[in-house]
Amino acid sequence: MSFFKVISDLQPRGIGYAILSLIIEDTDEVYIIVKDEEQKEVLRDILMELKDQFESRRSETSQLRLRNFQILTEEEYYSKWEEYVDKRLIFVERDRNLISTSLDKMGLFIESMWRVRARDPIRRIALHMADILVALDVAKEHYAKLKELIDKEMNEQDPKAKKKLLKEIDKKKRELISMFEKRFTRKEDIDLAFDLISFLVDRGYL
């Protein structure tokens, strides 16, 4: 089975959620369940390449880290399910349907890589994703200031002060997007970076 057939079966959202789980899960290791050995091999190659690329780029002070993972086929999981009762399980085919704008953006990002039909799609996905994750460390402080303004505007009662804050928010947001635009040329990368920084900072992951 080709890489592109596996991606078609897992769907971009499935790949995206597997990647997202390595970023956000509050555990040292996640267990990812897929249908068969072919899906297991392709997904393992993507996630291993991503971890390698990210670790080679991340700064020593980075708060962002990728969890360790194991990938199991459905047969491997169901035949020894008792061994995994206390583990964090990610069922790719089921969990890819979760309602999440971050997962939507991740799916579009993966799909855009898939459409290109690059010579080495696994490395291409990993390189772009690793670059985005590294950029989030740089953008963290910028977004924190933006969030501070947003929170202040929500609590402001004076119309004039509120209008002034809205202008400051718009300016700070444009500055953040401009920072991503200088780093990335693809719209999918920029959109995903902006969505992830807000998702991760707002929820305390970064």
C-alpha atoms as a PDB file:
ATOM      1  CA  MET A   1       0.000   0.000   0.000  1.00  0.00           C
ATOM      2  CA  SER A   2       1.383   3.400  -0.958  1.00  0.00           C
ATOM      3  CA  PHE A   3       1.919   6.296   1.420  1.00  0.00           C
ATOM      4  CA  PHE A   4      -0.847   8.274  -0.257  1.00  0.00           C
ATOM      5  CA  LYS A   5      -3.327   5.391   0.072  1.00  0.00           C
ATOM      6  CA  VAL A   6      -2.566   5.138   3.807  1.00  0.00           C
ATOM      7  CA  ILE A   7      -3.039   8.894   4.236  1.00  0.00           C
ATOM      8  CA  SER A   8      -6.317   8.607   2.359  1.00  0.00           C
ATOM      9  CA  ASP A   9      -7.485   5.863   4.728  1.00  0.00           C
ATOM     10  CA  LEU A  10      -6.325   7.573   7.925  1.00  0.00           C
ATOM     11  CA  GLN A  11      -7.475  10.936   6.544  1.00  0.00           C
ATOM     12  CA  PRO A  12      -5.528  14.171   7.110  1.00  0.00           C
ATOM     13  CA  ARG A  13      -7.486  14.800  10.310  1.00  0.00           C
ATOM     14  CA  GLY A  14      -6.386  11.416  11.647  1.00  0.00           C
ATOM     15  CA  ILE A  15      -2.724  12.177  11.014  1.00  0.00           C
ATOM     16  CA  GLY A  16      -3.275  15.651  12.443  1.00  0.00           C
ATOM     17  CA  TYR A  17      -4.793  14.366  15.663  1.00  0.00           C
ATOM     18  CA  ALA A  18      -1.953  11.895  16.155  1.00  0.00           C
ATOM     19  CA  ILE A  19       0.499  14.812  15.863  1.00  0.00           C
ATOM     20  CA  LEU A  20      -1.622  17.025  18.130  1.00  0.00           C
ATOM     21  CA  SER A  21      -1.730  14.308  20.782  1.00  0.00           C
ATOM     22  CA  LEU A  22       2.069  14.374  21.024  1.00  0.00           C
ATOM     23  CA  ILE A  23       1.882  18.095  21.800  1.00  0.00           C
ATOM     24  CA  ILE A  24      -1.023  18.407  24.221  1.00  0.00           C
ATOM     25  CA  GLU A  25      -1.475  15.169  26.144  1.00  0.00           C
ATOM     26  CA  ASP A  26      -0.611  15.431  29.856  1.00  0.00           C
ATOM     27  CA  THR A  27       1.358  12.197  29.978  1.00  0.00           C
ATOM     28  CA  ASP A  28       4.836  10.992  29.131  1.00  0.00           C
ATOM     29  CA  GLU A  29       3.653   8.514  26.504  1.00  0.00           C
ATOM     30  CA  VAL A  30       0.608   8.086  24.298  1.00  0.00           C
ATOM     31  CA  TYR A  31      -0.637   4.884  22.689  1.00  0.00           C
ATOM     32  CA  ILE A  32      -2.002   5.386  19.187  1.00  0.00           C
ATOM     33  CA  ILE A  33      -4.342   2.773  17.728  1.00  0.00           C
ATOM     34  CA  VAL A  34      -4.623   2.249  13.957  1.00  0.00           C
ATOM     35  CA  LYS A  35      -6.272  -0.371  11.780  1.00  0.00           C
ATOM     36  CA  ASP A  36      -3.360  -2.415  10.430  1.00  0.00           C
ATOM     37  CA  GLU A  37       0.403  -2.797  10.010  1.00  0.00           C
ATOM     38  CA  GLU A  38       0.584  -0.581   6.919  1.00  0.00           C
ATOM     39  CA  GLN A  39      -1.064   2.331   8.715  1.00  0.00           C
ATOM     40  CA  LYS A  40       1.153   1.661  11.729  1.00  0.00           C
ATOM     41  CA  GLU A  41       4.331   1.816   9.646  1.00  0.00           C
ATOM     42  CA  VAL A  42       3.467   5.051   7.823  1.00  0.00           C
ATOM     43  CA  LEU A  43       2.245   6.865  10.939  1.00  0.00           C
ATOM     44  CA  ARG A  44       5.277   5.715  12.931  1.00  0.00           C
ATOM     45  CA  ASP A  45       7.600   7.038  10.215  1.00  0.00           C
ATOM     46  CA  ILE A  46       5.846  10.431  10.210  1.00  0.00           C
ATOM     47  CA  LEU A  47       5.876  10.827  13.995  1.00  0.00           C
ATOM     48  CA  MET A  48       9.458   9.610  14.410  1.00  0.00           C
ATOM     49  CA  GLU A  49      10.683  11.970  11.692  1.00  0.00           C
ATOM     50  CA  LEU A  50       8.755  14.828  13.325  1.00  0.00           C
ATOM     51  CA  LYS A  51      10.294  14.125  16.728  1.00  0.00           C
ATOM     52  CA  ASP A  52      13.791  13.927  15.249  1.00  0.00           C
ATOM     53  CA  GLN A  53      13.376  17.170  13.290  1.00  0.00           C
ATOM     54  CA  PHE A  54      11.868  19.036  16.216  1.00  0.00           C
ATOM     55  CA  GLU A  55      14.456  17.877  18.766  1.00  0.00           C
ATOM     56  CA  SER A  56      17.272  18.949  16.456  1.00  0.00           C
ATOM     57  CA  ARG A  57      15.752  22.464  16.207  1.00  0.00           C
ATOM     58  CA  ARG A  58      14.222  23.254  19.603  1.00  0.00           C
ATOM     59  CA  SER A  59      16.079  25.493  22.032  1.00  0.00           C
ATOM     60  CA  GLU A  60      17.221  24.208  25.405  1.00  0.00           C
ATOM     61  CA  THR A  61      14.818  26.599  27.139  1.00  0.00           C
ATOM     62  CA  SER A  62      11.773  25.540  25.100  1.00  0.00           C
ATOM     63  CA  GLN A  63       8.703  24.605  27.128  1.00  0.00           C
ATOM     64  CA  LEU A  64       7.283  22.719  24.186  1.00  0.00           C
ATOM     65  CA  ARG A  65       7.978  19.013  23.999  1.00  0.00           C
ATOM     66  CA  LEU A  66       6.647  16.040  22.076  1.00  0.00           C
ATOM     67  CA  ARG A  67       5.462  13.015  24.038  1.00  0.00           C
ATOM     68  CA  ASN A  68       6.844   9.568  23.496  1.00  0.00           C
ATOM     69  CA  PHE A  69       4.492   7.236  21.690  1.00  0.00           C
ATOM     70  CA  GLN A  70       3.734   3.678  20.747  1.00  0.00           C
ATOM     71  CA  ILE A  71       1.574   2.703  17.804  1.00  0.00           C
ATOM     72  CA  LEU A  72      -0.566  -0.432  17.962  1.00  0.00           C
ATOM     73  CA  THR A  73      -2.782  -2.107  15.425  1.00  0.00           C
ATOM     74  CA  GLU A  74      -6.354  -2.796  16.492  1.00  0.00           C
ATOM     75  CA  GLU A  75      -5.490  -6.488  16.738  1.00  0.00           C
ATOM     76  CA  GLU A  76      -2.506  -5.780  18.997  1.00  0.00           C
ATOM     77  CA  TYR A  77      -4.605  -3.588  21.245  1.00  0.00           C
ATOM     78  CA  TYR A  78      -7.702  -5.772  21.538  1.00  0.00           C
ATOM     79  CA  SER A  79      -5.708  -8.964  22.086  1.00  0.00           C
ATOM     80  CA  LYS A  80      -3.905  -7.451  25.077  1.00  0.00           C
ATOM     81  CA  TRP A  81      -6.282  -4.647  26.089  1.00  0.00           C
ATOM     82  CA  GLU A  82      -5.786  -5.257  29.826  1.00  0.00           C
ATOM     83  CA  GLU A  83      -2.177  -4.066  29.514  1.00  0.00           C
ATOM     84  CA  TYR A  84      -3.372  -0.645  28.375  1.00  0.00           C
ATOM     85  CA  VAL A  85      -6.206   0.142  30.793  1.00  0.00           C
ATOM     86  CA  ASP A  86      -4.218   2.899  32.514  1.00  0.00           C
ATOM     87  CA  LYS A  87      -2.645   4.305  29.339  1.00  0.00           C
ATOM     88  CA  ARG A  88      -3.640   7.353  27.287  1.00  0.00           C
ATOM     89  CA  LEU A  89      -5.157   5.851  24.168  1.00  0.00           C
ATOM     90  CA  ILE A  90      -5.643   7.655  20.853  1.00  0.00           C
ATOM     91  CA  PHE A  91      -7.983   5.871  18.435  1.00  0.00           C
ATOM     92  CA  VAL A  92      -7.160   7.568  15.154  1.00  0.00           C
ATOM     93  CA  GLU A  93     -10.270   6.601  13.166  1.00  0.00           C
ATOM     94  CA  ARG A  94     -12.621   7.648  15.981  1.00  0.00           C
ATOM     95  CA  ASP A  95     -10.813  10.634  17.458  1.00  0.00           C
ATOM     96  CA  ARG A  96     -10.234  12.329  14.093  1.00  0.00           C
ATOM     97  CA  ASN A  97     -13.926  13.306  14.254  1.00  0.00           C
ATOM     98  CA  LEU A  98     -13.496  15.474  17.355  1.00  0.00           C
ATOM     99  CA  ILE A  99     -14.835  19.009  16.910  1.00  0.00           C
ATOM    100  CA  SER A 100     -11.844  21.354  17.053  1.00  0.00           C
ATOM    101  CA  THR A 101     -10.712  24.294  14.935  1.00  0.00           C
ATOM    102  CA  SER A 102      -7.085  23.363  15.674  1.00  0.00           C
ATOM    103  CA  LEU A 103      -7.746  19.888  14.328  1.00  0.00           C
ATOM    104  CA  ASP A 104      -9.429  21.451  11.284  1.00  0.00           C
ATOM    105  CA  LYS A 105      -6.299  23.534  10.606  1.00  0.00           C
ATOM    106  CA  MET A 106      -4.047  20.529  11.195  1.00  0.00           C
ATOM    107  CA  GLY A 107      -6.110  18.514   8.729  1.00  0.00           C
ATOM    108  CA  LEU A 108      -5.830  21.239   6.071  1.00  0.00           C
ATOM    109  CA  PHE A 109      -2.073  21.399   6.680  1.00  0.00           C
ATOM    110  CA  ILE A 110      -1.680  17.625   6.167  1.00  0.00           C
ATOM    111  CA  GLU A 111      -3.993  17.660   3.150  1.00  0.00           C
ATOM    112  CA  SER A 112      -1.948  20.433   1.512  1.00  0.00           C
ATOM    113  CA  MET A 113       1.172  18.279   1.862  1.00  0.00           C
ATOM    114  CA  TRP A 114      -0.673  15.280   0.489  1.00  0.00           C
ATOM    115  CA  ARG A 115      -1.894  17.193  -2.588  1.00  0.00           C
ATOM    116  CA  VAL A 116       1.648  18.195  -3.579  1.00  0.00           C
ATOM    117  CA  ARG A 117       2.679  14.531  -3.977  1.00  0.00           C
ATOM    118  CA  ALA A 118       6.245  15.378  -2.983  1.00  0.00           C
ATOM    119  CA  ARG A 119       9.078  12.923  -3.561  1.00  0.00           C
ATOM    120  CA  ASP A 120       9.565  12.433   0.199  1.00  0.00           C
ATOM    121  CA  PRO A 121       6.183  13.341   1.750  1.00  0.00           C
ATOM    122  CA  ILE A 122       7.009  12.006   5.220  1.00  0.00           C
ATOM    123  CA  ARG A 123      10.079  14.210   5.554  1.00  0.00           C
ATOM    124  CA  ARG A 124       8.212  17.162   4.023  1.00  0.00           C
ATOM    125  CA  ILE A 125       5.389  16.920   6.573  1.00  0.00           C
ATOM    126  CA  ALA A 126       7.855  16.524   9.450  1.00  0.00           C
ATOM    127  CA  LEU A 127      10.077  19.432   8.367  1.00  0.00           C
ATOM    128  CA  HIS A 128       7.195  21.870   7.967  1.00  0.00           C
ATOM    129  CA  MET A 129       5.564  20.801  11.227  1.00  0.00           C
ATOM    130  CA  ALA A 130       8.847  21.019  13.160  1.00  0.00           C
ATOM    131  CA  ASP A 131       9.448  24.529  11.786  1.00  0.00           C
ATOM    132  CA  ILE A 132       5.980  25.594  12.912  1.00  0.00           C
ATOM    133  CA  LEU A 133       6.523  24.205  16.428  1.00  0.00           C
ATOM    134  CA  VAL A 134       9.860  26.001  16.740  1.00  0.00           C
ATOM    135  CA  ALA A 135       8.198  29.244  15.624  1.00  0.00           C
ATOM    136  CA  LEU A 136       5.640  28.910  18.420  1.00  0.00           C
ATOM    137  CA  ASP A 137       8.358  29.331  21.038  1.00  0.00           C
ATOM    138  CA  VAL A 138       9.336  32.643  19.456  1.00  0.00           C
ATOM    139  CA  ALA A 139       5.707  33.753  19.098  1.00  0.00           C
ATOM    140  CA  LYS A 140       4.673  32.819  22.634  1.00  0.00           C
ATOM    141  CA  GLU A 141       5.511  36.170  24.242  1.00  0.00           C
ATOM    142  CA  HIS A 142       3.888  38.099  21.386  1.00  0.00           C
ATOM    143  CA  TYR A 143       0.665  36.140  21.748  1.00  0.00           C
ATOM    144  CA  ALA A 144       0.692  36.504  25.539  1.00  0.00           C
ATOM    145  CA  LYS A 145       0.624  40.293  25.104  1.00  0.00           C
ATOM    146  CA  LEU A 146      -2.206  39.967  22.572  1.00  0.00           C
ATOM    147  CA  LYS A 147      -4.193  37.791  24.978  1.00  0.00           C
ATOM    148  CA  GLU A 148      -3.650  40.316  27.764  1.00  0.00           C
ATOM    149  CA  LEU A 149      -5.165  43.025  25.575  1.00  0.00           C
ATOM    150  CA  ILE A 150      -8.105  40.790  24.614  1.00  0.00           C
ATOM    151  CA  ASP A 151      -8.861  39.986  28.253  1.00  0.00           C
ATOM    152  CA  LYS A 152      -8.616  43.662  29.172  1.00  0.00           C
ATOM    153  CA  GLU A 153     -10.972  44.672  26.356  1.00  0.00           C
ATOM    154  CA  MET A 154     -13.549  42.088  27.436  1.00  0.00           C
ATOM    155  CA  ASN A 155     -13.668  43.574  30.940  1.00  0.00           C
ATOM    156  CA  GLU A 156     -13.561  47.219  29.852  1.00  0.00           C
ATOM    157  CA  GLN A 157     -16.853  49.104  30.270  1.00  0.00           C
ATOM    158  CA  ASP A 158     -15.905  52.536  28.932  1.00  0.00           C
ATOM    159  CA  PRO A 159     -16.746  52.733  25.173  1.00  0.00           C
ATOM    160  CA  LYS A 160     -13.812  55.004  24.315  1.00  0.00           C
ATOM    161  CA  ALA A 161     -11.301  52.872  26.177  1.00  0.00           C
ATOM    162  CA  LYS A 162     -12.819  49.768  24.594  1.00  0.00           C
ATOM    163  CA  LYS A 163     -12.459  51.217  21.095  1.00  0.00           C
ATOM    164  CA  LYS A 164      -8.820  52.089  21.786  1.00  0.00           C
ATOM    165  CA  LEU A 165      -8.125  48.560  23.025  1.00  0.00           C
ATOM    166  CA  LEU A 166      -9.724  47.056  19.912  1.00  0.00           C
ATOM    167  CA  LYS A 167      -7.320  49.064  17.749  1.00  0.00           C
ATOM    168  CA  GLU A 168      -4.385  47.852  19.843  1.00  0.00           C
ATOM    169  CA  ILE A 169      -5.617  44.257  19.544  1.00  0.00           C
ATOM    170  CA  ASP A 170      -5.879  44.553  15.769  1.00  0.00           C
ATOM    171  CA  LYS A 171      -2.373  46.005  15.573  1.00  0.00           C
ATOM    172  CA  LYS A 172      -0.871  43.311  17.806  1.00  0.00           C
ATOM    173  CA  LYS A 173      -2.655  40.562  15.845  1.00  0.00           C
ATOM    174  CA  ARG A 174      -1.322  41.921  12.547  1.00  0.00           C
ATOM    175  CA  GLU A 175       2.177  42.029  14.034  1.00  0.00           C
ATOM    176  CA  LEU A 176       1.923  38.395  15.062  1.00  0.00           C
ATOM    177  CA  ILE A 177       0.626  37.284  11.670  1.00  0.00           C
ATOM    178  CA  SER A 178       3.352  39.348   9.975  1.00  0.00           C
ATOM    179  CA  MET A 179       5.950  37.514  12.038  1.00  0.00           C
ATOM    180  CA  PHE A 180       4.632  34.183  10.772  1.00  0.00           C
ATOM    181  CA  GLU A 181       4.449  35.514   7.204  1.00  0.00           C
ATOM    182  CA  LYS A 182       8.141  36.398   7.318  1.00  0.00           C
ATOM    183  CA  ARG A 183       8.930  32.832   8.376  1.00  0.00           C
ATOM    184  CA  PHE A 184       6.518  30.870   6.175  1.00  0.00           C
ATOM    185  CA  THR A 185       5.369  31.249   2.586  1.00  0.00           C
ATOM    186  CA  ARG A 186       2.469  28.786   2.611  1.00  0.00           C
ATOM    187  CA  LYS A 187      -0.925  30.018   3.819  1.00  0.00           C
ATOM    188  CA  GLU A 188      -1.596  26.632   5.456  1.00  0.00           C
ATOM    189  CA  ASP A 189       1.561  26.953   7.587  1.00  0.00           C
ATOM    190  CA  ILE A 190       0.706  30.515   8.648  1.00  0.00           C
ATOM    191  CA  ASP A 191      -2.904  29.650   9.524  1.00  0.00           C
ATOM    192  CA  LEU A 192      -1.847  26.581  11.509  1.00  0.00           C
ATOM    193  CA  ALA A 193       0.884  28.470  13.390  1.00  0.00           C
ATOM    194  CA  PHE A 194      -1.527  31.253  14.399  1.00  0.00           C
ATOM    195  CA  ASP A 195      -4.204  28.789  15.483  1.00  0.00           C
ATOM    196  CA  LEU A 196      -1.786  26.605  17.449  1.00  0.00           C
ATOM    197  CA  ILE A 197      -0.200  29.486  19.351  1.00  0.00           C
ATOM    198  CA  SER A 198      -3.606  30.635  20.579  1.00  0.00           C
ATOM    199  CA  PHE A 199      -4.735  27.066  21.330  1.00  0.00           C
ATOM    200  CA  LEU A 200      -1.591  26.141  23.270  1.00  0.00           C
ATOM    201  CA  VAL A 201      -1.178  29.398  25.234  1.00  0.00           C
ATOM    202  CA  ASP A 202      -4.883  29.791  26.078  1.00  0.00           C
ATOM    203  CA  ARG A 203      -4.977  26.272  27.518  1.00  0.00           C
ATOM    204  CA  GLY A 204      -1.657  26.463  29.319  1.00  0.00           C
ATOM    205  CA  TYR A 205       0.233  23.973  27.136  1.00  0.00           C
ATOM    206  CA  LEU A 206       2.864  26.590  26.262  1.00  0.00           C
END
